[in-house]
Amino acid sequence: MTYEELITAMTPDMHAALKQAVELGKWPDGRRLDSEQRETCLRAVIAYEHQNLPEQQRTGFIDRTKADGSQHGKDPLAPDTIKILTDS
């Protein structure tokens, strides 16, 4: 089974268990995750969420909407103009 097939076959319960393991740093049976396991689980959680959840429900989503519906700050993905200053 490839990584992509594993993510596609993951159930919501499996996703919740992996997410909890990453949050707590241990498996449901109490054994600690090592750093490689934690990283792998987090990657799987993020990949699953990217395929199956709307952006607002994904890990790491930051809601930049104010109460009036406008956005806080500028769009971080918008192109930015830079000025090059030279000493002449």
N, C-alpha and C. Protein backbone atom coordinates (compact mmCIF):
# COMPACT_ATOMS: atom_id res chain seq x y z
N MET A 1 0.85 -1.18 0.00
CA MET A 1 0.00 0.00 0.00
C MET A 1 0.90 1.24 0.00
N THR A 2 0.61 2.15 -0.91
CA THR A 2 1.39 3.39 -0.97
C THR A 2 0.86 4.38 0.06
N TYR A 3 1.63 5.44 0.28
CA TYR A 3 1.24 6.48 1.22
C TYR A 3 -0.09 7.11 0.79
N GLU A 4 -0.25 7.38 -0.50
CA GLU A 4 -1.47 7.99 -1.02
C GLU A 4 -2.67 7.07 -0.80
N GLU A 5 -2.48 5.77 -1.01
CA GLU A 5 -3.56 4.81 -0.78
C GLU A 5 -3.93 4.75 0.70
N LEU A 6 -2.92 4.85 1.56
CA LEU A 6 -3.17 4.85 3.00
C LEU A 6 -4.01 6.06 3.40
N ILE A 7 -3.67 7.22 2.89
CA ILE A 7 -4.43 8.44 3.21
C ILE A 7 -5.85 8.32 2.69
N THR A 8 -6.02 7.80 1.48
CA THR A 8 -7.34 7.63 0.89
C THR A 8 -8.18 6.64 1.69
N ALA A 9 -7.54 5.60 2.23
CA ALA A 9 -8.27 4.57 2.99
C ALA A 9 -8.52 4.96 4.45
N MET A 10 -7.90 6.06 4.91
CA MET A 10 -8.04 6.47 6.30
C MET A 10 -9.49 6.87 6.61
N THR A 11 -9.99 6.39 7.74
CA THR A 11 -11.35 6.72 8.18
C THR A 11 -11.31 7.93 9.11
N PRO A 12 -12.45 8.57 9.33
CA PRO A 12 -12.49 9.68 10.28
C PRO A 12 -12.03 9.26 11.68
N ASP A 13 -12.32 8.03 12.11
CA ASP A 13 -11.87 7.56 13.42
C ASP A 13 -10.35 7.42 13.46
N MET A 14 -9.76 6.91 12.38
CA MET A 14 -8.30 6.79 12.32
C MET A 14 -7.67 8.18 12.35
N HIS A 15 -8.26 9.12 11.62
CA HIS A 15 -7.76 10.49 11.61
C HIS A 15 -7.79 11.09 13.01
N ALA A 16 -8.90 10.90 13.71
CA ALA A 16 -9.04 11.43 15.07
C ALA A 16 -8.01 10.82 16.01
N ALA A 17 -7.77 9.51 15.87
CA ALA A 17 -6.79 8.83 16.73
C ALA A 17 -5.37 9.34 16.46
N LEU A 18 -5.02 9.51 15.20
CA LEU A 18 -3.69 10.03 14.86
C LEU A 18 -3.53 11.47 15.33
N LYS A 19 -4.56 12.27 15.17
CA LYS A 19 -4.51 13.67 15.60
C LYS A 19 -4.33 13.75 17.12
N GLN A 20 -5.05 12.92 17.84
CA GLN A 20 -4.92 12.90 19.30
C GLN A 20 -3.52 12.42 19.71
N ALA A 21 -2.98 11.44 19.01
CA ALA A 21 -1.64 10.95 19.32
C ALA A 21 -0.61 12.06 19.13
N VAL A 22 -0.76 12.86 18.07
CA VAL A 22 0.15 13.98 17.84
C VAL A 22 -0.01 15.03 18.95
N GLU A 23 -1.25 15.34 19.30
CA GLU A 23 -1.51 16.36 20.32
C GLU A 23 -0.94 15.96 21.68
N LEU A 24 -1.13 14.69 22.05
CA LEU A 24 -0.72 14.23 23.38
C LEU A 24 0.72 13.70 23.41
N GLY A 25 1.24 13.33 22.24
CA GLY A 25 2.58 12.78 22.19
C GLY A 25 2.65 11.33 22.60
N LYS A 26 1.51 10.66 22.61
CA LYS A 26 1.50 9.24 22.95
C LYS A 26 0.35 8.54 22.25
N TRP A 27 0.51 7.22 22.09
CA TRP A 27 -0.51 6.38 21.49
C TRP A 27 -1.64 6.17 22.48
N PRO A 28 -2.81 5.72 22.01
CA PRO A 28 -3.93 5.48 22.94
C PRO A 28 -3.60 4.49 24.07
N ASP A 29 -2.63 3.59 23.85
CA ASP A 29 -2.26 2.64 24.91
C ASP A 29 -1.23 3.22 25.89
N GLY A 30 -0.83 4.48 25.69
CA GLY A 30 0.06 5.15 26.63
C GLY A 30 1.52 5.20 26.22
N ARG A 31 1.91 4.43 25.19
CA ARG A 31 3.31 4.47 24.74
C ARG A 31 3.59 5.82 24.08
N ARG A 32 4.78 6.36 24.36
CA ARG A 32 5.16 7.66 23.79
C ARG A 32 5.52 7.54 22.31
N LEU A 33 5.17 8.58 21.54
CA LEU A 33 5.59 8.65 20.14
C LEU A 33 7.01 9.19 20.10
N ASP A 34 7.87 8.60 19.28
CA ASP A 34 9.18 9.23 19.10
C ASP A 34 9.00 10.34 18.06
N SER A 35 10.03 11.13 17.85
CA SER A 35 9.90 12.30 16.97
C SER A 35 9.56 11.91 15.54
N GLU A 36 10.09 10.80 15.07
CA GLU A 36 9.79 10.36 13.71
C GLU A 36 8.33 9.93 13.58
N GLN A 37 7.81 9.22 14.57
CA GLN A 37 6.40 8.80 14.56
C GLN A 37 5.49 10.02 14.61
N ARG A 38 5.85 10.97 15.44
CA ARG A 38 5.02 12.18 15.57
C ARG A 38 4.98 12.93 14.24
N GLU A 39 6.13 13.07 13.60
CA GLU A 39 6.19 13.76 12.31
C GLU A 39 5.38 13.03 11.25
N THR A 40 5.51 11.70 11.20
CA THR A 40 4.77 10.90 10.22
C THR A 40 3.26 11.01 10.45
N CYS A 41 2.85 10.93 11.71
CA CYS A 41 1.42 11.05 12.03
C CYS A 41 0.88 12.42 11.65
N LEU A 42 1.65 13.46 11.94
CA LEU A 42 1.22 14.83 11.62
C LEU A 42 1.09 15.00 10.11
N ARG A 43 2.03 14.46 9.35
CA ARG A 43 1.94 14.53 7.90
C ARG A 43 0.69 13.81 7.39
N ALA A 44 0.38 12.67 7.98
CA ALA A 44 -0.81 11.92 7.58
C ALA A 44 -2.08 12.68 7.92
N VAL A 45 -2.11 13.30 9.10
CA VAL A 45 -3.28 14.10 9.51
C VAL A 45 -3.49 15.25 8.53
N ILE A 46 -2.43 15.96 8.20
CA ILE A 46 -2.53 17.11 7.29
C ILE A 46 -2.96 16.65 5.89
N ALA A 47 -2.39 15.55 5.41
CA ALA A 47 -2.76 15.04 4.07
C ALA A 47 -4.23 14.62 4.04
N TYR A 48 -4.68 13.92 5.10
CA TYR A 48 -6.08 13.50 5.18
C TYR A 48 -7.00 14.74 5.16
N GLU A 49 -6.66 15.73 5.98
CA GLU A 49 -7.50 16.93 6.06
C GLU A 49 -7.53 17.67 4.74
N HIS A 50 -6.41 17.70 4.03
CA HIS A 50 -6.36 18.38 2.74
C HIS A 50 -7.31 17.72 1.74
N GLN A 51 -7.43 16.39 1.81
CA GLN A 51 -8.31 15.66 0.88
C GLN A 51 -9.77 15.67 1.30
N ASN A 52 -10.04 15.74 2.62
CA ASN A 52 -11.40 15.46 3.09
C ASN A 52 -12.10 16.57 3.86
N LEU A 53 -11.41 17.61 4.25
CA LEU A 53 -12.04 18.65 5.06
C LEU A 53 -11.97 20.01 4.38
N PRO A 54 -12.97 20.86 4.60
CA PRO A 54 -12.87 22.22 4.08
C PRO A 54 -11.74 22.97 4.79
N GLU A 55 -11.24 23.99 4.15
CA GLU A 55 -10.08 24.73 4.66
C GLU A 55 -10.27 25.19 6.11
N GLN A 56 -11.48 25.62 6.46
CA GLN A 56 -11.74 26.16 7.79
C GLN A 56 -11.62 25.10 8.89
N GLN A 57 -11.66 23.83 8.56
CA GLN A 57 -11.61 22.76 9.56
C GLN A 57 -10.24 22.08 9.62
N ARG A 58 -9.29 22.54 8.83
CA ARG A 58 -7.98 21.90 8.78
C ARG A 58 -7.06 22.37 9.90
N THR A 59 -6.14 21.50 10.26
CA THR A 59 -5.13 21.83 11.25
C THR A 59 -4.33 23.04 10.77
N GLY A 60 -4.15 24.01 11.65
CA GLY A 60 -3.36 25.19 11.33
C GLY A 60 -4.13 26.32 10.67
N PHE A 61 -5.42 26.14 10.42
CA PHE A 61 -6.20 27.21 9.78
C PHE A 61 -6.31 28.40 10.72
N ILE A 62 -6.08 29.60 10.18
CA ILE A 62 -6.22 30.83 10.94
C ILE A 62 -7.33 31.64 10.30
N ASP A 63 -8.38 31.90 11.05
CA ASP A 63 -9.50 32.70 10.54
C ASP A 63 -9.13 34.17 10.64
N ARG A 64 -8.97 34.83 9.52
CA ARG A 64 -8.57 36.23 9.49
C ARG A 64 -9.77 37.17 9.30
N THR A 65 -10.98 36.65 9.52
CA THR A 65 -12.18 37.46 9.33
C THR A 65 -12.55 38.20 10.61
N LYS A 66 -12.80 39.51 10.47
CA LYS A 66 -13.26 40.32 11.60
C LYS A 66 -14.76 40.12 11.77
N ALA A 67 -15.31 40.61 12.86
CA ALA A 67 -16.74 40.49 13.12
C ALA A 67 -17.59 41.13 12.02
N ASP A 68 -17.08 42.20 11.39
CA ASP A 68 -17.84 42.87 10.33
C ASP A 68 -17.68 42.19 8.97
N GLY A 69 -16.92 41.11 8.91
CA GLY A 69 -16.75 40.36 7.67
C GLY A 69 -15.51 40.72 6.88
N SER A 70 -14.83 41.80 7.25
CA SER A 70 -13.61 42.18 6.54
C SER A 70 -12.43 41.34 7.06
N GLN A 71 -11.32 41.43 6.36
CA GLN A 71 -10.14 40.63 6.70
C GLN A 71 -9.15 41.43 7.54
N HIS A 72 -8.50 40.75 8.49
CA HIS A 72 -7.40 41.34 9.25
C HIS A 72 -6.18 41.37 8.34
N GLY A 73 -5.51 42.49 8.30
CA GLY A 73 -4.27 42.57 7.54
C GLY A 73 -4.47 42.30 6.06
N LYS A 74 -3.37 42.12 5.38
CA LYS A 74 -3.43 41.85 3.95
C LYS A 74 -3.34 40.36 3.69
N ASP A 75 -3.68 39.97 2.50
CA ASP A 75 -3.61 38.57 2.09
C ASP A 75 -2.14 38.17 2.02
N PRO A 76 -1.72 37.17 2.81
CA PRO A 76 -0.30 36.80 2.81
C PRO A 76 0.16 36.18 1.49
N LEU A 77 -0.76 35.78 0.64
CA LEU A 77 -0.39 35.20 -0.65
C LEU A 77 -0.42 36.22 -1.78
N ALA A 78 -0.87 37.44 -1.50
CA ALA A 78 -0.94 38.48 -2.53
C ALA A 78 0.47 38.94 -2.88
N PRO A 79 0.70 39.27 -4.15
CA PRO A 79 2.03 39.76 -4.52
C PRO A 79 2.32 41.08 -3.81
N ASP A 80 3.58 41.29 -3.52
CA ASP A 80 3.99 42.48 -2.78
C ASP A 80 4.96 43.28 -3.64
N THR A 81 4.82 44.60 -3.63
CA THR A 81 5.72 45.47 -4.37
C THR A 81 6.89 45.82 -3.48
N ILE A 82 8.08 45.75 -4.04
CA ILE A 82 9.26 46.12 -3.28
C ILE A 82 9.92 47.31 -3.93
N LYS A 83 10.61 48.11 -3.14
CA LYS A 83 11.37 49.25 -3.65
C LYS A 83 12.84 48.96 -3.42
N ILE A 84 13.64 49.23 -4.43
CA ILE A 84 15.07 49.07 -4.30
C ILE A 84 15.67 50.47 -4.18
N LEU A 85 16.26 50.72 -3.04
CA LEU A 85 16.86 52.02 -2.78
C LEU A 85 18.37 51.92 -3.00
N THR A 86 18.90 52.87 -3.70
CA THR A 86 20.34 52.89 -3.92
C THR A 86 20.90 54.20 -3.42
N ASP A 87 22.12 54.15 -2.95
CA ASP A 87 22.81 55.37 -2.54
C ASP A 87 23.49 55.94 -3.77
N SER A 88 23.07 57.12 -4.15
CA SER A 88 23.68 57.74 -5.34
C SER A 88 24.44 58.97 -4.98
